[in-house]
Amino acid sequence: MLKFGMQSRYHLFSIDGGTRRRLASIPTPLPAYIHSFGMTERYLILIEFSLVLPSALNILLGDKPFIENYRWQPERGATFHIIDKTNGEIVTRAEADAFFAFHHIN
């Protein structure tokens, strides 16, 4: 889930026995288009691509379809966030050249 605001964040949740628990909250200066994420038995892999929302204000006050607010900014590169599913700890972040994907292969 993405929270827009003065400080946008990605919130990752787990659901166990019908109870929702926030695992991690990752701040981001410019929210990226994220369609899916990777998952192993122990880790979540969230990738911030270079397709970003420069301003949440444009979405709130603008009249364009949501997707048209995104901008390709390859100079930002991509960031891999590796999150431990057991405790929500961000194990590592890794930077990569700019790329884009819709789905990840598990």
PDB file of N, CA and C in Angstrom:
ATOM      1  N   MET A   1       0.849  -1.158   0.000  1.00  0.00           N
ATOM      2  CA  MET A   1       0.000   0.000   0.000  1.00  0.00           C
ATOM      3  C   MET A   1       0.903   1.232   0.000  1.00  0.00           C
ATOM      4  N   LEU A   2       0.476   2.267  -0.691  1.00  0.00           N
ATOM      5  CA  LEU A   2       1.241   3.511  -0.772  1.00  0.00           C
ATOM      6  C   LEU A   2       0.477   4.616  -0.068  1.00  0.00           C
ATOM      7  N   LYS A   3       1.180   5.378   0.764  1.00  0.00           N
ATOM      8  CA  LYS A   3       0.583   6.534   1.434  1.00  0.00           C
ATOM      9  C   LYS A   3       1.198   7.786   0.815  1.00  0.00           C
ATOM     10  N   PHE A   4       0.333   8.644   0.254  1.00  0.00           N
ATOM     11  CA  PHE A   4       0.778   9.925  -0.290  1.00  0.00           C
ATOM     12  C   PHE A   4       0.756  10.969   0.810  1.00  0.00           C
ATOM     13  N   GLY A   5       1.619  11.950   0.697  1.00  0.00           N
ATOM     14  CA  GLY A   5       1.615  13.042   1.655  1.00  0.00           C
ATOM     15  C   GLY A   5       2.931  13.789   1.591  1.00  0.00           C
ATOM     16  N   MET A   6       3.159  14.612   2.607  1.00  0.00           N
ATOM     17  CA  MET A   6       4.425  15.339   2.680  1.00  0.00           C
ATOM     18  C   MET A   6       5.582  14.343   2.683  1.00  0.00           C
ATOM     19  N   GLN A   7       5.377  13.199   3.313  1.00  0.00           N
ATOM     20  CA  GLN A   7       6.351  12.109   3.291  1.00  0.00           C
ATOM     21  C   GLN A   7       5.618  10.851   2.848  1.00  0.00           C
ATOM     22  N   SER A   8       5.776  10.500   1.593  1.00  0.00           N
ATOM     23  CA  SER A   8       5.126   9.292   1.081  1.00  0.00           C
ATOM     24  C   SER A   8       5.856   8.060   1.599  1.00  0.00           C
ATOM     25  N   ARG A   9       5.102   6.956   1.739  1.00  0.00           N
ATOM     26  CA  ARG A   9       5.665   5.722   2.287  1.00  0.00           C
ATOM     27  C   ARG A   9       5.030   4.513   1.620  1.00  0.00           C
ATOM     28  N   TYR A  10       5.809   3.445   1.542  1.00  0.00           N
ATOM     29  CA  TYR A  10       5.267   2.140   1.168  1.00  0.00           C
ATOM     30  C   TYR A  10       5.015   1.391   2.468  1.00  0.00           C
ATOM     31  N   HIS A  11       3.809   0.895   2.650  1.00  0.00           N
ATOM     32  CA  HIS A  11       3.482   0.088   3.828  1.00  0.00           C
ATOM     33  C   HIS A  11       3.325  -1.356   3.373  1.00  0.00           C
ATOM     34  N   LEU A  12       4.004  -2.265   4.040  1.00  0.00           N
ATOM     35  CA  LEU A  12       3.885  -3.691   3.741  1.00  0.00           C
ATOM     36  C   LEU A  12       3.222  -4.379   4.927  1.00  0.00           C
ATOM     37  N   PHE A  13       2.243  -5.227   4.626  1.00  0.00           N
ATOM     38  CA  PHE A  13       1.443  -5.877   5.658  1.00  0.00           C
ATOM     39  C   PHE A  13       1.524  -7.389   5.543  1.00  0.00           C
ATOM     40  N   SER A  14       1.265  -8.053   6.671  1.00  0.00           N
ATOM     41  CA  SER A  14       1.053  -9.502   6.662  1.00  0.00           C
ATOM     42  C   SER A  14      -0.321  -9.750   7.272  1.00  0.00           C
ATOM     43  N   ILE A  15      -0.927 -10.850   6.866  1.00  0.00           N
ATOM     44  CA  ILE A  15      -2.218 -11.240   7.436  1.00  0.00           C
ATOM     45  C   ILE A  15      -2.065 -12.659   7.949  1.00  0.00           C
ATOM     46  N   ASP A  16      -2.255 -12.824   9.238  1.00  0.00           N
ATOM     47  CA  ASP A  16      -2.125 -14.135   9.865  1.00  0.00           C
ATOM     48  C   ASP A  16      -3.363 -14.384  10.711  1.00  0.00           C
ATOM     49  N   GLY A  17      -4.087 -15.434  10.401  1.00  0.00           N
ATOM     50  CA  GLY A  17      -5.290 -15.748  11.164  1.00  0.00           C
ATOM     51  C   GLY A  17      -6.345 -14.664  11.078  1.00  0.00           C
ATOM     52  N   GLY A  18      -6.381 -13.944   9.953  1.00  0.00           N
ATOM     53  CA  GLY A  18      -7.367 -12.888   9.777  1.00  0.00           C
ATOM     54  C   GLY A  18      -6.979 -11.562  10.408  1.00  0.00           C
ATOM     55  N   THR A  19      -5.807 -11.505  11.035  1.00  0.00           N
ATOM     56  CA  THR A  19      -5.340 -10.267  11.669  1.00  0.00           C
ATOM     57  C   THR A  19      -4.260  -9.623  10.807  1.00  0.00           C
ATOM     58  N   ARG A  20      -4.478  -8.359  10.474  1.00  0.00           N
ATOM     59  CA  ARG A  20      -3.514  -7.616   9.661  1.00  0.00           C
ATOM     60  C   ARG A  20      -2.476  -6.961  10.562  1.00  0.00           C
ATOM     61  N   ARG A  21      -1.210  -7.044  10.141  1.00  0.00           N
ATOM     62  CA  ARG A  21      -0.116  -6.426  10.890  1.00  0.00           C
ATOM     63  C   ARG A  21       0.815  -5.732   9.903  1.00  0.00           C
ATOM     64  N   ARG A  22       1.154  -4.478  10.205  1.00  0.00           N
ATOM     65  CA  ARG A  22       2.103  -3.779   9.334  1.00  0.00           C
ATOM     66  C   ARG A  22       3.500  -4.307   9.621  1.00  0.00           C
ATOM     67  N   LEU A  23       4.123  -4.825   8.580  1.00  0.00           N
ATOM     68  CA  LEU A  23       5.473  -5.372   8.702  1.00  0.00           C
ATOM     69  C   LEU A  23       6.534  -4.293   8.599  1.00  0.00           C
ATOM     70  N   ALA A  24       6.383  -3.417   7.615  1.00  0.00           N
ATOM     71  CA  ALA A  24       7.415  -2.416   7.359  1.00  0.00           C
ATOM     72  C   ALA A  24       6.790  -1.166   6.769  1.00  0.00           C
ATOM     73  N   SER A  25       7.463  -0.059   6.978  1.00  0.00           N
ATOM     74  CA  SER A  25       7.061   1.221   6.413  1.00  0.00           C
ATOM     75  C   SER A  25       8.322   1.859   5.833  1.00  0.00           C
ATOM     76  N   ILE A  26       8.328   2.042   4.522  1.00  0.00           N
ATOM     77  CA  ILE A  26       9.527   2.515   3.829  1.00  0.00           C
ATOM     78  C   ILE A  26       9.266   3.909   3.262  1.00  0.00           C
ATOM     79  N   PRO A  27       9.961   4.931   3.770  1.00  0.00           N
ATOM     80  CA  PRO A  27       9.771   6.283   3.227  1.00  0.00           C
ATOM     81  C   PRO A  27      10.342   6.395   1.817  1.00  0.00           C
ATOM     82  N   THR A  28       9.707   7.246   1.013  1.00  0.00           N
ATOM     83  CA  THR A  28      10.191   7.481  -0.346  1.00  0.00           C
ATOM     84  C   THR A  28       9.936   8.931  -0.738  1.00  0.00           C
ATOM     85  N   PRO A  29      10.914   9.603  -1.328  1.00  0.00           N
ATOM     86  CA  PRO A  29      10.693  10.992  -1.736  1.00  0.00           C
ATOM     87  C   PRO A  29       9.754  11.104  -2.934  1.00  0.00           C
ATOM     88  N   LEU A  30       9.838  10.141  -3.860  1.00  0.00           N
ATOM     89  CA  LEU A  30       8.979  10.124  -5.046  1.00  0.00           C
ATOM     90  C   LEU A  30       8.441   8.707  -5.225  1.00  0.00           C
ATOM     91  N   PRO A  31       7.156   8.499  -4.992  1.00  0.00           N
ATOM     92  CA  PRO A  31       6.595   7.151  -5.131  1.00  0.00           C
ATOM     93  C   PRO A  31       6.742   6.628  -6.562  1.00  0.00           C
ATOM     94  N   ALA A  32       7.142   5.381  -6.670  1.00  0.00           N
ATOM     95  CA  ALA A  32       7.325   4.738  -7.973  1.00  0.00           C
ATOM     96  C   ALA A  32       6.111   3.888  -8.319  1.00  0.00           C
ATOM     97  N   TYR A  33       5.956   3.623  -9.606  1.00  0.00           N
ATOM     98  CA  TYR A  33       4.919   2.708 -10.057  1.00  0.00           C
ATOM     99  C   TYR A  33       5.353   1.301  -9.657  1.00  0.00           C
ATOM    100  N   ILE A  34       4.557   0.651  -8.829  1.00  0.00           N
ATOM    101  CA  ILE A  34       4.847  -0.716  -8.394  1.00  0.00           C
ATOM    102  C   ILE A  34       3.598  -1.543  -8.630  1.00  0.00           C
ATOM    103  N   HIS A  35       3.712  -2.517  -9.523  1.00  0.00           N
ATOM    104  CA  HIS A  35       2.568  -3.353  -9.878  1.00  0.00           C
ATOM    105  C   HIS A  35       2.559  -4.661  -9.089  1.00  0.00           C
ATOM    106  N   SER A  36       3.739  -5.142  -8.728  1.00  0.00           N
ATOM    107  CA  SER A  36       3.831  -6.382  -7.961  1.00  0.00           C
ATOM    108  C   SER A  36       5.146  -6.377  -7.195  1.00  0.00           C
ATOM    109  N   PHE A  37       5.394  -7.446  -6.462  1.00  0.00           N
ATOM    110  CA  PHE A  37       6.646  -7.564  -5.720  1.00  0.00           C
ATOM    111  C   PHE A  37       7.045  -9.031  -5.679  1.00  0.00           C
ATOM    112  N   GLY A  38       8.301  -9.286  -5.348  1.00  0.00           N
ATOM    113  CA  GLY A  38       8.785 -10.653  -5.234  1.00  0.00           C
ATOM    114  C   GLY A  38       8.691 -11.133  -3.800  1.00  0.00           C
ATOM    115  N   MET A  39       8.670 -12.458  -3.643  1.00  0.00           N
ATOM    116  CA  MET A  39       8.567 -13.012  -2.299  1.00  0.00           C
ATOM    117  C   MET A  39       9.224 -14.392  -2.269  1.00  0.00           C
ATOM    118  N   THR A  40      10.008 -14.625  -1.230  1.00  0.00           N
ATOM    119  CA  THR A  40      10.547 -15.950  -0.963  1.00  0.00           C
ATOM    120  C   THR A  40       9.937 -16.409   0.358  1.00  0.00           C
ATOM    121  N   GLU A  41      10.367 -17.558   0.850  1.00  0.00           N
ATOM    122  CA  GLU A  41       9.843 -18.012   2.141  1.00  0.00           C
ATOM    123  C   GLU A  41      10.164 -17.018   3.247  1.00  0.00           C
ATOM    124  N   ARG A  42      11.287 -16.334   3.142  1.00  0.00           N
ATOM    125  CA  ARG A  42      11.711 -15.452   4.229  1.00  0.00           C
ATOM    126  C   ARG A  42      11.681 -13.954   3.912  1.00  0.00           C
ATOM    127  N   TYR A  43      11.749 -13.587   2.627  1.00  0.00           N
ATOM    128  CA  TYR A  43      11.917 -12.179   2.282  1.00  0.00           C
ATOM    129  C   TYR A  43      10.861 -11.665   1.309  1.00  0.00           C
ATOM    130  N   LEU A  44      10.610 -10.353   1.400  1.00  0.00           N
ATOM    131  CA  LEU A  44       9.843  -9.617   0.401  1.00  0.00           C
ATOM    132  C   LEU A  44      10.847  -8.784  -0.386  1.00  0.00           C
ATOM    133  N   ILE A  45      10.656  -8.694  -1.685  1.00  0.00           N
ATOM    134  CA  ILE A  45      11.537  -7.906  -2.536  1.00  0.00           C
ATOM    135  C   ILE A  45      10.691  -6.844  -3.228  1.00  0.00           C
ATOM    136  N   LEU A  46      10.881  -5.610  -2.821  1.00  0.00           N
ATOM    137  CA  LEU A  46      10.135  -4.483  -3.377  1.00  0.00           C
ATOM    138  C   LEU A  46      11.102  -3.665  -4.229  1.00  0.00           C
ATOM    139  N   ILE A  47      10.731  -3.432  -5.479  1.00  0.00           N
ATOM    140  CA  ILE A  47      11.610  -2.680  -6.378  1.00  0.00           C
ATOM    141  C   ILE A  47      10.963  -1.342  -6.713  1.00  0.00           C
ATOM    142  N   GLU A  48      11.698  -0.270  -6.419  1.00  0.00           N
ATOM    143  CA  GLU A  48      11.274   1.071  -6.831  1.00  0.00           C
ATOM    144  C   GLU A  48      11.884   1.335  -8.205  1.00  0.00           C
ATOM    145  N   PHE A  49      11.029   1.405  -9.206  1.00  0.00           N
ATOM    146  CA  PHE A  49      11.484   1.658 -10.569  1.00  0.00           C
ATOM    147  C   PHE A  49      11.653   3.162 -10.802  1.00  0.00           C
ATOM    148  N   SER A  50      12.062   3.512 -12.004  1.00  0.00           N
ATOM    149  CA  SER A  50      12.315   4.911 -12.361  1.00  0.00           C
ATOM    150  C   SER A  50      11.085   5.628 -12.901  1.00  0.00           C
ATOM    151  N   LEU A  51       9.941   4.972 -12.867  1.00  0.00           N
ATOM    152  CA  LEU A  51       8.674   5.592 -13.264  1.00  0.00           C
ATOM    153  C   LEU A  51       8.031   6.103 -11.980  1.00  0.00           C
ATOM    154  N   VAL A  52       8.044   7.425 -11.779  1.00  0.00           N
ATOM    155  CA  VAL A  52       7.676   7.998 -10.483  1.00  0.00           C
ATOM    156  C   VAL A  52       6.581   9.054 -10.597  1.00  0.00           C
ATOM    157  N   LEU A  53       5.978   9.330  -9.444  1.00  0.00           N
ATOM    158  CA  LEU A  53       4.998  10.416  -9.324  1.00  0.00           C
ATOM    159  C   LEU A  53       5.722  11.634  -8.768  1.00  0.00           C
ATOM    160  N   PRO A  54       6.006  12.629  -9.594  1.00  0.00           N
ATOM    161  CA  PRO A  54       6.735  13.797  -9.112  1.00  0.00           C
ATOM    162  C   PRO A  54       5.979  14.591  -8.049  1.00  0.00           C
ATOM    163  N   SER A  55       4.644  14.554  -8.092  1.00  0.00           N
ATOM    164  CA  SER A  55       3.879  15.355  -7.139  1.00  0.00           C
ATOM    165  C   SER A  55       2.514  14.734  -6.880  1.00  0.00           C
ATOM    166  N   ALA A  56       2.248  14.419  -5.618  1.00  0.00           N
ATOM    167  CA  ALA A  56       0.921  13.919  -5.254  1.00  0.00           C
ATOM    168  C   ALA A  56      -0.119  15.023  -5.438  1.00  0.00           C
ATOM    169  N   LEU A  57       0.318  16.268  -5.363  1.00  0.00           N
ATOM    170  CA  LEU A  57      -0.591  17.400  -5.529  1.00  0.00           C
ATOM    171  C   LEU A  57      -1.224  17.399  -6.922  1.00  0.00           C
ATOM    172  N   ASN A  58      -0.458  17.008  -7.933  1.00  0.00           N
ATOM    173  CA  ASN A  58      -1.010  16.917  -9.292  1.00  0.00           C
ATOM    174  C   ASN A  58      -2.172  15.936  -9.350  1.00  0.00           C
ATOM    175  N   ILE A  59      -2.073  14.867  -8.607  1.00  0.00           N
ATOM    176  CA  ILE A  59      -3.136  13.859  -8.597  1.00  0.00           C
ATOM    177  C   ILE A  59      -4.374  14.411  -7.905  1.00  0.00           C
ATOM    178  N   LEU A  60      -4.160  15.075  -6.789  1.00  0.00           N
ATOM    179  CA  LEU A  60      -5.285  15.601  -6.011  1.00  0.00           C
ATOM    180  C   LEU A  60      -6.006  16.741  -6.720  1.00  0.00           C
ATOM    181  N   LEU A  61      -5.255  17.615  -7.371  1.00  0.00           N
ATOM    182  CA  LEU A  61      -5.849  18.806  -7.975  1.00  0.00           C
ATOM    183  C   LEU A  61      -6.003  18.719  -9.490  1.00  0.00           C
ATOM    184  N   GLY A  62      -5.372  17.736 -10.095  1.00  0.00           N
ATOM    185  CA  GLY A  62      -5.407  17.624 -11.551  1.00  0.00           C
ATOM    186  C   GLY A  62      -6.635  16.883 -12.047  1.00  0.00           C
ATOM    187  N   ASP A  63      -6.768  16.862 -13.367  1.00  0.00           N
ATOM    188  CA  ASP A  63      -7.917  16.184 -13.963  1.00  0.00           C
ATOM    189  C   ASP A  63      -7.488  15.082 -14.928  1.00  0.00           C
ATOM    190  N   LYS A  64      -6.199  14.704 -14.880  1.00  0.00           N
ATOM    191  CA  LYS A  64      -5.701  13.646 -15.752  1.00  0.00           C
ATOM    192  C   LYS A  64      -5.945  12.280 -15.109  1.00  0.00           C
ATOM    193  N   PRO A  65      -6.045  11.234 -15.922  1.00  0.00           N
ATOM    194  CA  PRO A  65      -6.087   9.884 -15.356  1.00  0.00           C
ATOM    195  C   PRO A  65      -4.834   9.637 -14.510  1.00  0.00           C
ATOM    196  N   PHE A  66      -4.972   8.850 -13.480  1.00  0.00           N
ATOM    197  CA  PHE A  66      -3.892   8.606 -12.519  1.00  0.00           C
ATOM    198  C   PHE A  66      -2.577   8.250 -13.204  1.00  0.00           C
ATOM    199  N   ILE A  67      -2.608   7.310 -14.142  1.00  0.00           N
ATOM    200  CA  ILE A  67      -1.387   6.810 -14.769  1.00  0.00           C
ATOM    201  C   ILE A  67      -0.645   7.894 -15.546  1.00  0.00           C
ATOM    202  N   GLU A  68      -1.337   8.900 -16.029  1.00  0.00           N
ATOM    203  CA  GLU A  68      -0.688   9.963 -16.804  1.00  0.00           C
ATOM    204  C   GLU A  68       0.125  10.922 -15.939  1.00  0.00           C
ATOM    205  N   ASN A  69       0.072  10.777 -14.640  1.00  0.00           N
ATOM    206  CA  ASN A  69       0.866  11.609 -13.738  1.00  0.00           C
ATOM    207  C   ASN A  69       2.283  11.075 -13.538  1.00  0.00           C
ATOM    208  N   TYR A  70       2.529   9.846 -13.930  1.00  0.00           N
ATOM    209  CA  TYR A  70       3.862   9.260 -13.770  1.00  0.00           C
ATOM    210  C   TYR A  70       4.834   9.835 -14.789  1.00  0.00           C
ATOM    211  N   ARG A  71       6.114   9.913 -14.396  1.00  0.00           N
ATOM    212  CA  ARG A  71       7.179  10.405 -15.268  1.00  0.00           C
ATOM    213  C   ARG A  71       8.354   9.433 -15.209  1.00  0.00           C
ATOM    214  N   TRP A  72       8.956   9.180 -16.367  1.00  0.00           N
ATOM    215  CA  TRP A  72      10.134   8.327 -16.446  1.00  0.00           C
ATOM    216  C   TRP A  72      11.356   9.164 -16.101  1.00  0.00           C
ATOM    217  N   GLN A  73      12.068   8.796 -15.045  1.00  0.00           N
ATOM    218  CA  GLN A  73      13.264   9.512 -14.602  1.00  0.00           C
ATOM    219  C   GLN A  73      14.416   8.518 -14.459  1.00  0.00           C
ATOM    220  N   PRO A  74      15.025   8.141 -15.581  1.00  0.00           N
ATOM    221  CA  PRO A  74      16.055   7.094 -15.551  1.00  0.00           C
ATOM    222  C   PRO A  74      17.273   7.444 -14.700  1.00  0.00           C
ATOM    223  N   GLU A  75      17.524   8.721 -14.497  1.00  0.00           N
ATOM    224  CA  GLU A  75      18.671   9.118 -13.671  1.00  0.00           C
ATOM    225  C   GLU A  75      18.514   8.666 -12.215  1.00  0.00           C
ATOM    226  N   ARG A  76      17.293   8.352 -11.797  1.00  0.00           N
ATOM    227  CA  ARG A  76      17.047   7.878 -10.429  1.00  0.00           C
ATOM    228  C   ARG A  76      17.473   6.422 -10.244  1.00  0.00           C
ATOM    229  N   GLY A  77      17.587   5.686 -11.344  1.00  0.00           N
ATOM    230  CA  GLY A  77      17.919   4.271 -11.236  1.00  0.00           C
ATOM    231  C   GLY A  77      16.775   3.498 -10.598  1.00  0.00           C
ATOM    232  N   ALA A  78      17.074   2.319 -10.130  1.00  0.00           N
ATOM    233  CA  ALA A  78      16.090   1.472  -9.452  1.00  0.00           C
ATOM    234  C   ALA A  78      16.657   1.077  -8.091  1.00  0.00           C
ATOM    235  N   THR A  79      15.776   0.902  -7.120  1.00  0.00           N
ATOM    236  CA  THR A  79      16.198   0.500  -5.782  1.00  0.00           C
ATOM    237  C   THR A  79      15.475  -0.776  -5.388  1.00  0.00           C
ATOM    238  N   PHE A  80      16.248  -1.782  -4.991  1.00  0.00           N
ATOM    239  CA  PHE A  80      15.705  -3.033  -4.470  1.00  0.00           C
ATOM    240  C   PHE A  80      15.681  -2.941  -2.945  1.00  0.00           C
ATOM    241  N   HIS A  81      14.515  -3.144  -2.357  1.00  0.00           N
ATOM    242  CA  HIS A  81      14.380  -3.200  -0.901  1.00  0.00           C
ATOM    243  C   HIS A  81      14.135  -4.663  -0.537  1.00  0.00           C
ATOM    244  N   ILE A  82      14.975  -5.228   0.315  1.00  0.00           N
ATOM    245  CA  ILE A  82      14.813  -6.614   0.760  1.00  0.00           C
ATOM    246  C   ILE A  82      14.351  -6.559   2.216  1.00  0.00           C
ATOM    247  N   ILE A  83      13.151  -7.099   2.475  1.00  0.00           N
ATOM    248  CA  ILE A  83      12.518  -6.999   3.790  1.00  0.00           C
ATOM    249  C   ILE A  83      12.320  -8.391   4.366  1.00  0.00           C
ATOM    250  N   ASP A  84      12.742  -8.587   5.610  1.00  0.00           N
ATOM    251  CA  ASP A  84      12.547  -9.853   6.317  1.00  0.00           C
ATOM    252  C   ASP A  84      11.078  -9.988   6.697  1.00  0.00           C
ATOM    253  N   LYS A  85      10.428 -11.066   6.260  1.00  0.00           N
ATOM    254  CA  LYS A  85       8.995 -11.254   6.522  1.00  0.00           C
ATOM    255  C   LYS A  85       8.699 -11.550   7.989  1.00  0.00           C
ATOM    256  N   THR A  86       9.682 -12.042   8.739  1.00  0.00           N
ATOM    257  CA  THR A  86       9.410 -12.402  10.133  1.00  0.00           C
ATOM    258  C   THR A  86       9.340 -11.194  11.052  1.00  0.00           C
ATOM    259  N   ASN A  87      10.169 -10.171  10.780  1.00  0.00           N
ATOM    260  CA  ASN A  87      10.200  -9.025  11.696  1.00  0.00           C
ATOM    261  C   ASN A  87      10.061  -7.664  11.011  1.00  0.00           C
ATOM    262  N   GLY A  88       9.952  -7.639   9.675  1.00  0.00           N
ATOM    263  CA  GLY A  88       9.785  -6.382   8.955  1.00  0.00           C
ATOM    264  C   GLY A  88      11.053  -5.577   8.783  1.00  0.00           C
ATOM    265  N   GLU A  89      12.184  -6.120   9.214  1.00  0.00           N
ATOM    266  CA  GLU A  89      13.453  -5.406   9.093  1.00  0.00           C
ATOM    267  C   GLU A  89      13.853  -5.280   7.623  1.00  0.00           C
ATOM    268  N   ILE A  90      14.315  -4.087   7.258  1.00  0.00           N
ATOM    269  CA  ILE A  90      14.863  -3.895   5.918  1.00  0.00           C
ATOM    270  C   ILE A  90      16.290  -4.422   5.965  1.00  0.00           C
ATOM    271  N   VAL A  91      16.480  -5.591   5.364  1.00  0.00           N
ATOM    272  CA  VAL A  91      17.760  -6.285   5.426  1.00  0.00           C
ATOM    273  C   VAL A  91      18.816  -5.546   4.620  1.00  0.00           C
ATOM    274  N   THR A  92      18.433  -5.097   3.432  1.00  0.00           N
ATOM    275  CA  THR A  92      19.372  -4.358   2.587  1.00  0.00           C
ATOM    276  C   THR A  92      18.617  -3.575   1.524  1.00  0.00           C
ATOM    277  N   ARG A  93      19.315  -2.617   0.967  1.00  0.00           N
ATOM    278  CA  ARG A  93      18.857  -1.880  -0.209  1.00  0.00           C
ATOM    279  C   ARG A  93      19.975  -1.986  -1.237  1.00  0.00           C
ATOM    280  N   ALA A  94      19.590  -2.195  -2.471  1.00  0.00           N
ATOM    281  CA  ALA A  94      20.585  -2.282  -3.543  1.00  0.00           C
ATOM    282  C   ALA A  94      20.146  -1.393  -4.695  1.00  0.00           C
ATOM    283  N   GLU A  95      21.090  -0.676  -5.266  1.00  0.00           N
ATOM    284  CA  GLU A  95      20.816   0.219  -6.389  1.00  0.00           C
ATOM    285  C   GLU A  95      21.145  -0.485  -7.703  1.00  0.00           C
ATOM    286  N   ALA A  96      20.393  -0.145  -8.744  1.00  0.00           N
ATOM    287  CA  ALA A  96      20.622  -0.715 -10.076  1.00  0.00           C
ATOM    288  C   ALA A  96      20.339   0.353 -11.125  1.00  0.00           C
ATOM    289  N   ASP A  97      20.763   0.086 -12.350  1.00  0.00           N
ATOM    290  CA  ASP A  97      20.426   0.974 -13.459  1.00  0.00           C
ATOM    291  C   ASP A  97      18.911   0.989 -13.649  1.00  0.00           C
ATOM    292  N   ALA A  98      18.424   2.027 -14.273  1.00  0.00           N
ATOM    293  CA  ALA A  98      16.986   2.177 -14.509  1.00  0.00           C
ATOM    294  C   ALA A  98      16.446   1.028 -15.355  1.00  0.00           C
ATOM    295  N   PHE A  99      15.305   0.497 -14.933  1.00  0.00           N
ATOM    296  CA  PHE A  99      14.570  -0.491 -15.725  1.00  0.00           C
ATOM    297  C   PHE A  99      13.137  -0.491 -15.225  1.00  0.00           C
ATOM    298  N   PHE A 100      12.286  -1.240 -15.911  1.00  0.00           N
ATOM    299  CA  PHE A 100      10.877  -1.296 -15.528  1.00  0.00           C
ATOM    300  C   PHE A 100      10.348  -2.698 -15.761  1.00  0.00           C
ATOM    301  N   ALA A 101       9.447  -3.140 -14.903  1.00  0.00           N
ATOM    302  CA  ALA A 101       8.790  -4.444 -15.051  1.00  0.00           C
ATOM    303  C   ALA A 101       7.415  -4.370 -14.407  1.00  0.00           C
ATOM    304  N   PHE A 102       6.494  -5.170 -14.915  1.00  0.00           N
ATOM    305  CA  PHE A 102       5.179  -5.278 -14.285  1.00  0.00           C
ATOM    306  C   PHE A 102       5.169  -6.403 -13.255  1.00  0.00           C
ATOM    307  N   HIS A 103       5.632  -7.588 -13.673  1.00  0.00           N
ATOM    308  CA  HIS A 103       5.558  -8.758 -12.801  1.00  0.00           C
ATOM    309  C   HIS A 103       6.947  -9.304 -12.502  1.00  0.00           C
ATOM    310  N   HIS A 104       7.064  -9.899 -11.320  1.00  0.00           N
ATOM    311  CA  HIS A 104       8.300 -10.542 -10.896  1.00  0.00           C
ATOM    312  C   HIS A 104       8.087 -12.053 -10.959  1.00  0.00           C
ATOM    313  N   ILE A 105       9.153 -12.789 -11.128  1.00  0.00           N
ATOM    314  CA  ILE A 105       9.056 -14.248 -11.154  1.00  0.00           C
ATOM    315  C   ILE A 105       9.524 -14.773  -9.810  1.00  0.00           C
ATOM    316  N   ASN A 106       8.685 -15.569  -9.181  1.00  0.00           N
ATOM    317  CA  ASN A 106       9.058 -16.200  -7.901  1.00  0.00           C
ATOM    318  C   ASN A 106       9.457 -17.632  -8.138  1.00  0.00           C
TER     319      ASN A 106
END
